[in-house]
Amino acid sequence: MFTGLESPLHLLILLSLVLVLFGAKRLPEIGRSLGSGMREFRESITGHAPAADAQVSADGEHVSPTKATAELSQSTQTGEPT
């Protein structure tokens, strides 16, 4: 039924071995570093960073670039300070 590393028993043995080797305190740190490495790799492949596209308004709400541009042009037309 299950062959190779797809077997639940093999995965359980592998996870317990990782836990013994690195310890419970280092596992979250390893997970974070792997995640950030994967994110940086994906950003380098696509050529842009998703976090750079979003802007934050004055009340701390994330705003898309098109909405921020529309709000800015509207405030300049009405003469309201930004």
PDB file of N, CA and C in Angstrom:
ATOM      1  N   MET A   1       0.820  -1.178   0.000  1.00  0.00           N
ATOM      2  CA  MET A   1       0.000   0.000   0.000  1.00  0.00           C
ATOM      3  C   MET A   1       0.872   1.252   0.000  1.00  0.00           C
ATOM      4  N   PHE A   2       1.609   1.533   1.078  1.00  0.00           N
ATOM      5  CA  PHE A   2       2.529   2.653   1.125  1.00  0.00           C
ATOM      6  C   PHE A   2       3.937   2.122   0.907  1.00  0.00           C
ATOM      7  N   THR A   3       4.677   2.769   0.023  1.00  0.00           N
ATOM      8  CA  THR A   3       6.055   2.358  -0.218  1.00  0.00           C
ATOM      9  C   THR A   3       6.958   3.568  -0.094  1.00  0.00           C
ATOM     10  N   GLY A   4       8.196   3.344   0.233  1.00  0.00           N
ATOM     11  CA  GLY A   4       9.164   4.429   0.343  1.00  0.00           C
ATOM     12  C   GLY A   4       8.912   5.305   1.556  1.00  0.00           C
ATOM     13  N   LEU A   5       9.198   6.599   1.420  1.00  0.00           N
ATOM     14  CA  LEU A   5       9.041   7.533   2.531  1.00  0.00           C
ATOM     15  C   LEU A   5       7.611   7.985   2.733  1.00  0.00           C
ATOM     16  N   GLU A   6       6.682   7.560   1.866  1.00  0.00           N
ATOM     17  CA  GLU A   6       5.282   7.943   2.025  1.00  0.00           C
ATOM     18  C   GLU A   6       4.588   7.153   3.131  1.00  0.00           C
ATOM     19  N   SER A   7       5.227   6.138   3.633  1.00  0.00           N
ATOM     20  CA  SER A   7       4.642   5.315   4.681  1.00  0.00           C
ATOM     21  C   SER A   7       4.510   6.131   5.967  1.00  0.00           C
ATOM     22  N   PRO A   8       3.363   6.077   6.630  1.00  0.00           N
ATOM     23  CA  PRO A   8       3.204   6.819   7.882  1.00  0.00           C
ATOM     24  C   PRO A   8       4.234   6.421   8.947  1.00  0.00           C
ATOM     25  N   LEU A   9       4.612   5.154   8.978  1.00  0.00           N
ATOM     26  CA  LEU A   9       5.616   4.701   9.946  1.00  0.00           C
ATOM     27  C   LEU A   9       6.966   5.346   9.659  1.00  0.00           C
ATOM     28  N   HIS A  10       7.352   5.426   8.387  1.00  0.00           N
ATOM     29  CA  HIS A  10       8.625   6.055   8.028  1.00  0.00           C
ATOM     30  C   HIS A  10       8.620   7.545   8.378  1.00  0.00           C
ATOM     31  N   LEU A  11       7.511   8.210   8.126  1.00  0.00           N
ATOM     32  CA  LEU A  11       7.418   9.633   8.470  1.00  0.00           C
ATOM     33  C   LEU A  11       7.492   9.857   9.972  1.00  0.00           C
ATOM     34  N   LEU A  12       6.864   8.983  10.736  1.00  0.00           N
ATOM     35  CA  LEU A  12       6.907   9.083  12.191  1.00  0.00           C
ATOM     36  C   LEU A  12       8.324   8.879  12.709  1.00  0.00           C
ATOM     37  N   ILE A  13       9.030   7.925  12.158  1.00  0.00           N
ATOM     38  CA  ILE A  13      10.420   7.676  12.560  1.00  0.00           C
ATOM     39  C   ILE A  13      11.292   8.867  12.181  1.00  0.00           C
ATOM     40  N   LEU A  14      11.091   9.414  10.995  1.00  0.00           N
ATOM     41  CA  LEU A  14      11.870  10.563  10.549  1.00  0.00           C
ATOM     42  C   LEU A  14      11.621  11.786  11.429  1.00  0.00           C
ATOM     43  N   LEU A  15      10.363  12.058  11.753  1.00  0.00           N
ATOM     44  CA  LEU A  15      10.043  13.199  12.615  1.00  0.00           C
ATOM     45  C   LEU A  15      10.596  13.031  14.022  1.00  0.00           C
ATOM     46  N   SER A  16      10.544  11.822  14.566  1.00  0.00           N
ATOM     47  CA  SER A  16      11.106  11.600  15.902  1.00  0.00           C
ATOM     48  C   SER A  16      12.623  11.737  15.890  1.00  0.00           C
ATOM     49  N   LEU A  17      13.262  11.324  14.801  1.00  0.00           N
ATOM     50  CA  LEU A  17      14.713  11.466  14.685  1.00  0.00           C
ATOM     51  C   LEU A  17      15.094  12.951  14.624  1.00  0.00           C
ATOM     52  N   VAL A  18      14.342  13.754  13.882  1.00  0.00           N
ATOM     53  CA  VAL A  18      14.598  15.194  13.813  1.00  0.00           C
ATOM     54  C   VAL A  18      14.402  15.834  15.181  1.00  0.00           C
ATOM     55  N   LEU A  19      13.369  15.416  15.901  1.00  0.00           N
ATOM     56  CA  LEU A  19      13.115  15.951  17.235  1.00  0.00           C
ATOM     57  C   LEU A  19      14.257  15.626  18.184  1.00  0.00           C
ATOM     58  N   VAL A  20      14.792  14.418  18.116  1.00  0.00           N
ATOM     59  CA  VAL A  20      15.900  14.026  18.990  1.00  0.00           C
ATOM     60  C   VAL A  20      17.174  14.779  18.618  1.00  0.00           C
ATOM     61  N   LEU A  21      17.433  14.928  17.318  1.00  0.00           N
ATOM     62  CA  LEU A  21      18.667  15.582  16.885  1.00  0.00           C
ATOM     63  C   LEU A  21      18.687  17.075  17.203  1.00  0.00           C
ATOM     64  N   PHE A  22      17.591  17.778  16.932  1.00  0.00           N
ATOM     65  CA  PHE A  22      17.587  19.232  17.073  1.00  0.00           C
ATOM     66  C   PHE A  22      16.960  19.721  18.365  1.00  0.00           C
ATOM     67  N   GLY A  23      16.101  18.953  18.986  1.00  0.00           N
ATOM     68  CA  GLY A  23      15.458  19.375  20.222  1.00  0.00           C
ATOM     69  C   GLY A  23      14.220  20.208  19.959  1.00  0.00           C
ATOM     70  N   ALA A  24      13.363  20.268  20.947  1.00  0.00           N
ATOM     71  CA  ALA A  24      12.078  20.959  20.805  1.00  0.00           C
ATOM     72  C   ALA A  24      12.243  22.469  20.735  1.00  0.00           C
ATOM     73  N   LYS A  25      13.298  23.017  21.341  1.00  0.00           N
ATOM     74  CA  LYS A  25      13.484  24.472  21.335  1.00  0.00           C
ATOM     75  C   LYS A  25      13.956  24.988  19.982  1.00  0.00           C
ATOM     76  N   ARG A  26      14.693  24.186  19.238  1.00  0.00           N
ATOM     77  CA  ARG A  26      15.240  24.645  17.958  1.00  0.00           C
ATOM     78  C   ARG A  26      14.296  24.406  16.788  1.00  0.00           C
ATOM     79  N   LEU A  27      13.307  23.537  16.927  1.00  0.00           N
ATOM     80  CA  LEU A  27      12.419  23.225  15.806  1.00  0.00           C
ATOM     81  C   LEU A  27      11.653  24.439  15.286  1.00  0.00           C
ATOM     82  N   PRO A  28      11.075  25.303  16.132  1.00  0.00           N
ATOM     83  CA  PRO A  28      10.405  26.499  15.582  1.00  0.00           C
ATOM     84  C   PRO A  28      11.365  27.431  14.842  1.00  0.00           C
ATOM     85  N   GLU A  29      12.574  27.555  15.350  1.00  0.00           N
ATOM     86  CA  GLU A  29      13.573  28.397  14.693  1.00  0.00           C
ATOM     87  C   GLU A  29      13.939  27.826  13.324  1.00  0.00           C
ATOM     88  N   ILE A  30      14.085  26.524  13.241  1.00  0.00           N
ATOM     89  CA  ILE A  30      14.397  25.873  11.969  1.00  0.00           C
ATOM     90  C   ILE A  30      13.243  26.052  10.988  1.00  0.00           C
ATOM     91  N   GLY A  31      12.017  25.920  11.485  1.00  0.00           N
ATOM     92  CA  GLY A  31      10.844  26.103  10.629  1.00  0.00           C
ATOM     93  C   GLY A  31      10.742  27.517  10.091  1.00  0.00           C
ATOM     94  N   ARG A  32      11.013  28.513  10.951  1.00  0.00           N
ATOM     95  CA  ARG A  32      10.979  29.909  10.509  1.00  0.00           C
ATOM     96  C   ARG A  32      12.042  30.180   9.458  1.00  0.00           C
ATOM     97  N   SER A  33      13.238  29.668   9.674  1.00  0.00           N
ATOM     98  CA  SER A  33      14.314  29.925   8.712  1.00  0.00           C
ATOM     99  C   SER A  33      14.043  29.222   7.387  1.00  0.00           C
ATOM    100  N   LEU A  34      13.478  28.034   7.432  1.00  0.00           N
ATOM    101  CA  LEU A  34      13.109  27.354   6.188  1.00  0.00           C
ATOM    102  C   LEU A  34      12.012  28.124   5.460  1.00  0.00           C
ATOM    103  N   GLY A  35      11.026  28.606   6.194  1.00  0.00           N
ATOM    104  CA  GLY A  35       9.947  29.372   5.590  1.00  0.00           C
ATOM    105  C   GLY A  35      10.432  30.664   4.961  1.00  0.00           C
ATOM    106  N   SER A  36      11.296  31.384   5.663  1.00  0.00           N
ATOM    107  CA  SER A  36      11.804  32.639   5.101  1.00  0.00           C
ATOM    108  C   SER A  36      12.703  32.370   3.901  1.00  0.00           C
ATOM    109  N   GLY A  37      13.449  31.288   3.937  1.00  0.00           N
ATOM    110  CA  GLY A  37      14.275  30.927   2.789  1.00  0.00           C
ATOM    111  C   GLY A  37      13.436  30.584   1.572  1.00  0.00           C
ATOM    112  N   MET A  38      12.355  29.839   1.784  1.00  0.00           N
ATOM    113  CA  MET A  38      11.457  29.508   0.684  1.00  0.00           C
ATOM    114  C   MET A  38      10.779  30.759   0.137  1.00  0.00           C
ATOM    115  N   ARG A  39      10.388  31.685   1.037  1.00  0.00           N
ATOM    116  CA  ARG A  39       9.749  32.918   0.617  1.00  0.00           C
ATOM    117  C   ARG A  39      10.709  33.765  -0.216  1.00  0.00           C
ATOM    118  N   GLU A  40      11.969  33.893   0.233  1.00  0.00           N
ATOM    119  CA  GLU A  40      12.960  34.661  -0.517  1.00  0.00           C
ATOM    120  C   GLU A  40      13.225  34.030  -1.877  1.00  0.00           C
ATOM    121  N   PHE A  41      13.277  32.711  -1.925  1.00  0.00           N
ATOM    122  CA  PHE A  41      13.490  32.020  -3.192  1.00  0.00           C
ATOM    123  C   PHE A  41      12.336  32.287  -4.144  1.00  0.00           C
ATOM    124  N   ARG A  42      11.111  32.200  -3.648  1.00  0.00           N
ATOM    125  CA  ARG A  42       9.933  32.436  -4.486  1.00  0.00           C
ATOM    126  C   ARG A  42       9.911  33.878  -4.987  1.00  0.00           C
ATOM    127  N   GLU A  43      10.278  34.833  -4.121  1.00  0.00           N
ATOM    128  CA  GLU A  43      10.326  36.236  -4.527  1.00  0.00           C
ATOM    129  C   GLU A  43      11.396  36.470  -5.580  1.00  0.00           C
ATOM    130  N   SER A  44      12.526  35.775  -5.472  1.00  0.00           N
ATOM    131  CA  SER A  44      13.575  35.954  -6.468  1.00  0.00           C
ATOM    132  C   SER A  44      13.169  35.345  -7.805  1.00  0.00           C
ATOM    133  N   ILE A  45      12.382  34.286  -7.781  1.00  0.00           N
ATOM    134  CA  ILE A  45      11.916  33.667  -9.016  1.00  0.00           C
ATOM    135  C   ILE A  45      10.871  34.552  -9.691  1.00  0.00           C
ATOM    136  N   THR A  46       9.898  35.061  -8.926  1.00  0.00           N
ATOM    137  CA  THR A  46       8.841  35.872  -9.515  1.00  0.00           C
ATOM    138  C   THR A  46       9.306  37.294  -9.807  1.00  0.00           C
ATOM    139  N   GLY A  47      10.298  37.782  -9.104  1.00  0.00           N
ATOM    140  CA  GLY A  47      10.841  39.100  -9.377  1.00  0.00           C
ATOM    141  C   GLY A  47      10.222  40.227  -8.587  1.00  0.00           C
ATOM    142  N   HIS A  48       9.320  39.952  -7.670  1.00  0.00           N
ATOM    143  CA  HIS A  48       8.763  41.022  -6.846  1.00  0.00           C
ATOM    144  C   HIS A  48       8.398  40.480  -5.479  1.00  0.00           C
ATOM    145  N   ALA A  49       8.331  41.386  -4.533  1.00  0.00           N
ATOM    146  CA  ALA A  49       7.978  41.029  -3.164  1.00  0.00           C
ATOM    147  C   ALA A  49       6.528  41.407  -2.915  1.00  0.00           C
ATOM    148  N   PRO A  50       5.669  40.471  -2.470  1.00  0.00           N
ATOM    149  CA  PRO A  50       4.269  40.814  -2.226  1.00  0.00           C
ATOM    150  C   PRO A  50       4.094  41.858  -1.136  1.00  0.00           C
ATOM    151  N   ALA A  51       4.966  41.894  -0.147  1.00  0.00           N
ATOM    152  CA  ALA A  51       4.825  42.842   0.953  1.00  0.00           C
ATOM    153  C   ALA A  51       5.092  44.274   0.481  1.00  0.00           C
ATOM    154  N   ALA A  52       5.879  44.436  -0.567  1.00  0.00           N
ATOM    155  CA  ALA A  52       6.196  45.775  -1.063  1.00  0.00           C
ATOM    156  C   ALA A  52       5.029  46.380  -1.828  1.00  0.00           C
ATOM    157  N   ASP A  53       4.094  45.555  -2.308  1.00  0.00           N
ATOM    158  CA  ASP A  53       2.958  46.049  -3.065  1.00  0.00           C
ATOM    159  C   ASP A  53       1.925  46.729  -2.174  1.00  0.00           C
ATOM    160  N   ALA A  54       1.803  46.290  -0.949  1.00  0.00           N
ATOM    161  CA  ALA A  54       0.769  46.822  -0.057  1.00  0.00           C
ATOM    162  C   ALA A  54       1.281  48.071   0.656  1.00  0.00           C
ATOM    163  N   GLN A  55       0.368  48.988   0.912  1.00  0.00           N
ATOM    164  CA  GLN A  55       0.696  50.188   1.667  1.00  0.00           C
ATOM    165  C   GLN A  55      -0.202  50.240   2.895  1.00  0.00           C
ATOM    166  N   VAL A  56       0.195  51.021   3.878  1.00  0.00           N
ATOM    167  CA  VAL A  56      -0.575  51.140   5.100  1.00  0.00           C
ATOM    168  C   VAL A  56      -1.133  52.555   5.169  1.00  0.00           C
ATOM    169  N   SER A  57      -2.440  52.655   5.425  1.00  0.00           N
ATOM    170  CA  SER A  57      -3.065  53.967   5.530  1.00  0.00           C
ATOM    171  C   SER A  57      -2.796  54.559   6.914  1.00  0.00           C
ATOM    172  N   ALA A  58      -3.282  55.758   7.160  1.00  0.00           N
ATOM    173  CA  ALA A  58      -3.027  56.459   8.415  1.00  0.00           C
ATOM    174  C   ALA A  58      -3.600  55.714   9.623  1.00  0.00           C
ATOM    175  N   ASP A  59      -4.711  54.995   9.437  1.00  0.00           N
ATOM    176  CA  ASP A  59      -5.303  54.275  10.569  1.00  0.00           C
ATOM    177  C   ASP A  59      -4.739  52.864  10.732  1.00  0.00           C
ATOM    178  N   GLY A  60      -3.683  52.512   9.988  1.00  0.00           N
ATOM    179  CA  GLY A  60      -3.034  51.220  10.147  1.00  0.00           C
ATOM    180  C   GLY A  60      -3.634  50.119   9.298  1.00  0.00           C
ATOM    181  N   GLU A  61      -4.562  50.453   8.417  1.00  0.00           N
ATOM    182  CA  GLU A  61      -5.207  49.458   7.565  1.00  0.00           C
ATOM    183  C   GLU A  61      -4.377  49.275   6.298  1.00  0.00           C
ATOM    184  N   HIS A  62      -4.198  48.009   5.868  1.00  0.00           N
ATOM    185  CA  HIS A  62      -3.475  47.749   4.629  1.00  0.00           C
ATOM    186  C   HIS A  62      -4.337  48.161   3.448  1.00  0.00           C
ATOM    187  N   VAL A  63      -3.723  48.887   2.520  1.00  0.00           N
ATOM    188  CA  VAL A  63      -4.439  49.423   1.372  1.00  0.00           C
ATOM    189  C   VAL A  63      -3.714  48.978   0.109  1.00  0.00           C
ATOM    190  N   SER A  64      -4.467  48.585  -0.908  1.00  0.00           N
ATOM    191  CA  SER A  64      -3.850  48.210  -2.174  1.00  0.00           C
ATOM    192  C   SER A  64      -3.304  49.466  -2.843  1.00  0.00           C
ATOM    193  N   PRO A  65      -2.301  49.328  -3.719  1.00  0.00           N
ATOM    194  CA  PRO A  65      -1.713  50.506  -4.354  1.00  0.00           C
ATOM    195  C   PRO A  65      -2.726  51.310  -5.173  1.00  0.00           C
ATOM    196  N   THR A  66      -3.673  50.660  -5.835  1.00  0.00           N
ATOM    197  CA  THR A  66      -4.656  51.399  -6.634  1.00  0.00           C
ATOM    198  C   THR A  66      -5.584  52.205  -5.740  1.00  0.00           C
ATOM    199  N   LYS A  67      -5.973  51.641  -4.596  1.00  0.00           N
ATOM    200  CA  LYS A  67      -6.838  52.364  -3.664  1.00  0.00           C
ATOM    201  C   LYS A  67      -6.091  53.545  -3.051  1.00  0.00           C
ATOM    202  N   ALA A  68      -4.816  53.344  -2.725  1.00  0.00           N
ATOM    203  CA  ALA A  68      -4.024  54.423  -2.152  1.00  0.00           C
ATOM    204  C   ALA A  68      -3.861  55.554  -3.155  1.00  0.00           C
ATOM    205  N   THR A  69      -3.654  55.222  -4.431  1.00  0.00           N
ATOM    206  CA  THR A  69      -3.527  56.245  -5.464  1.00  0.00           C
ATOM    207  C   THR A  69      -4.828  56.997  -5.639  1.00  0.00           C
ATOM    208  N   ALA A  70      -5.953  56.286  -5.617  1.00  0.00           N
ATOM    209  CA  ALA A  70      -7.257  56.935  -5.753  1.00  0.00           C
ATOM    210  C   ALA A  70      -7.528  57.864  -4.581  1.00  0.00           C
ATOM    211  N   GLU A  71      -7.195  57.438  -3.368  1.00  0.00           N
ATOM    212  CA  GLU A  71      -7.406  58.279  -2.197  1.00  0.00           C
ATOM    213  C   GLU A  71      -6.527  59.530  -2.261  1.00  0.00           C
ATOM    214  N   LEU A  72      -5.294  59.371  -2.727  1.00  0.00           N
ATOM    215  CA  LEU A  72      -4.381  60.503  -2.820  1.00  0.00           C
ATOM    216  C   LEU A  72      -4.870  61.506  -3.853  1.00  0.00           C
ATOM    217  N   SER A  73      -5.303  61.020  -5.007  1.00  0.00           N
ATOM    218  CA  SER A  73      -5.777  61.948  -6.036  1.00  0.00           C
ATOM    219  C   SER A  73      -7.066  62.642  -5.595  1.00  0.00           C
ATOM    220  N   GLN A  74      -7.920  61.938  -4.852  1.00  0.00           N
ATOM    221  CA  GLN A  74      -9.164  62.538  -4.368  1.00  0.00           C
ATOM    222  C   GLN A  74      -8.859  63.622  -3.335  1.00  0.00           C
ATOM    223  N   SER A  75      -7.909  63.372  -2.452  1.00  0.00           N
ATOM    224  CA  SER A  75      -7.597  64.366  -1.421  1.00  0.00           C
ATOM    225  C   SER A  75      -6.909  65.590  -2.026  1.00  0.00           C
ATOM    226  N   THR A  76      -6.146  65.431  -3.096  1.00  0.00           N
ATOM    227  CA  THR A  76      -5.513  66.585  -3.718  1.00  0.00           C
ATOM    228  C   THR A  76      -6.521  67.422  -4.493  1.00  0.00           C
ATOM    229  N   GLN A  77      -7.559  66.779  -5.024  1.00  0.00           N
ATOM    230  CA  GLN A  77      -8.594  67.530  -5.750  1.00  0.00           C
ATOM    231  C   GLN A  77      -9.448  68.339  -4.799  1.00  0.00           C
ATOM    232  N   THR A  78      -9.738  67.793  -3.627  1.00  0.00           N
ATOM    233  CA  THR A  78     -10.596  68.490  -2.666  1.00  0.00           C
ATOM    234  C   THR A  78      -9.812  69.464  -1.800  1.00  0.00           C
ATOM    235  N   GLY A  79      -8.482  69.368  -1.814  1.00  0.00           N
ATOM    236  CA  GLY A  79      -7.663  70.266  -1.038  1.00  0.00           C
ATOM    237  C   GLY A  79      -7.474  69.827   0.407  1.00  0.00           C
ATOM    238  N   GLU A  80      -7.882  68.603   0.749  1.00  0.00           N
ATOM    239  CA  GLU A  80      -7.702  68.100   2.107  1.00  0.00           C
ATOM    240  C   GLU A  80      -6.270  67.691   2.318  1.00  0.00           C
ATOM    241  N   PRO A  81      -5.725  67.905   3.506  1.00  0.00           N
ATOM    242  CA  PRO A  81      -4.358  67.454   3.757  1.00  0.00           C
ATOM    243  C   PRO A  81      -4.315  65.935   3.878  1.00  0.00           C
ATOM    244  N   THR A  82      -3.185  65.346   3.484  1.00  0.00           N
ATOM    245  CA  THR A  82      -3.040  63.894   3.559  1.00  0.00           C
ATOM    246  C   THR A  82      -2.455  63.451   4.854  1.00  0.00           C
TER     247      THR A  82
END
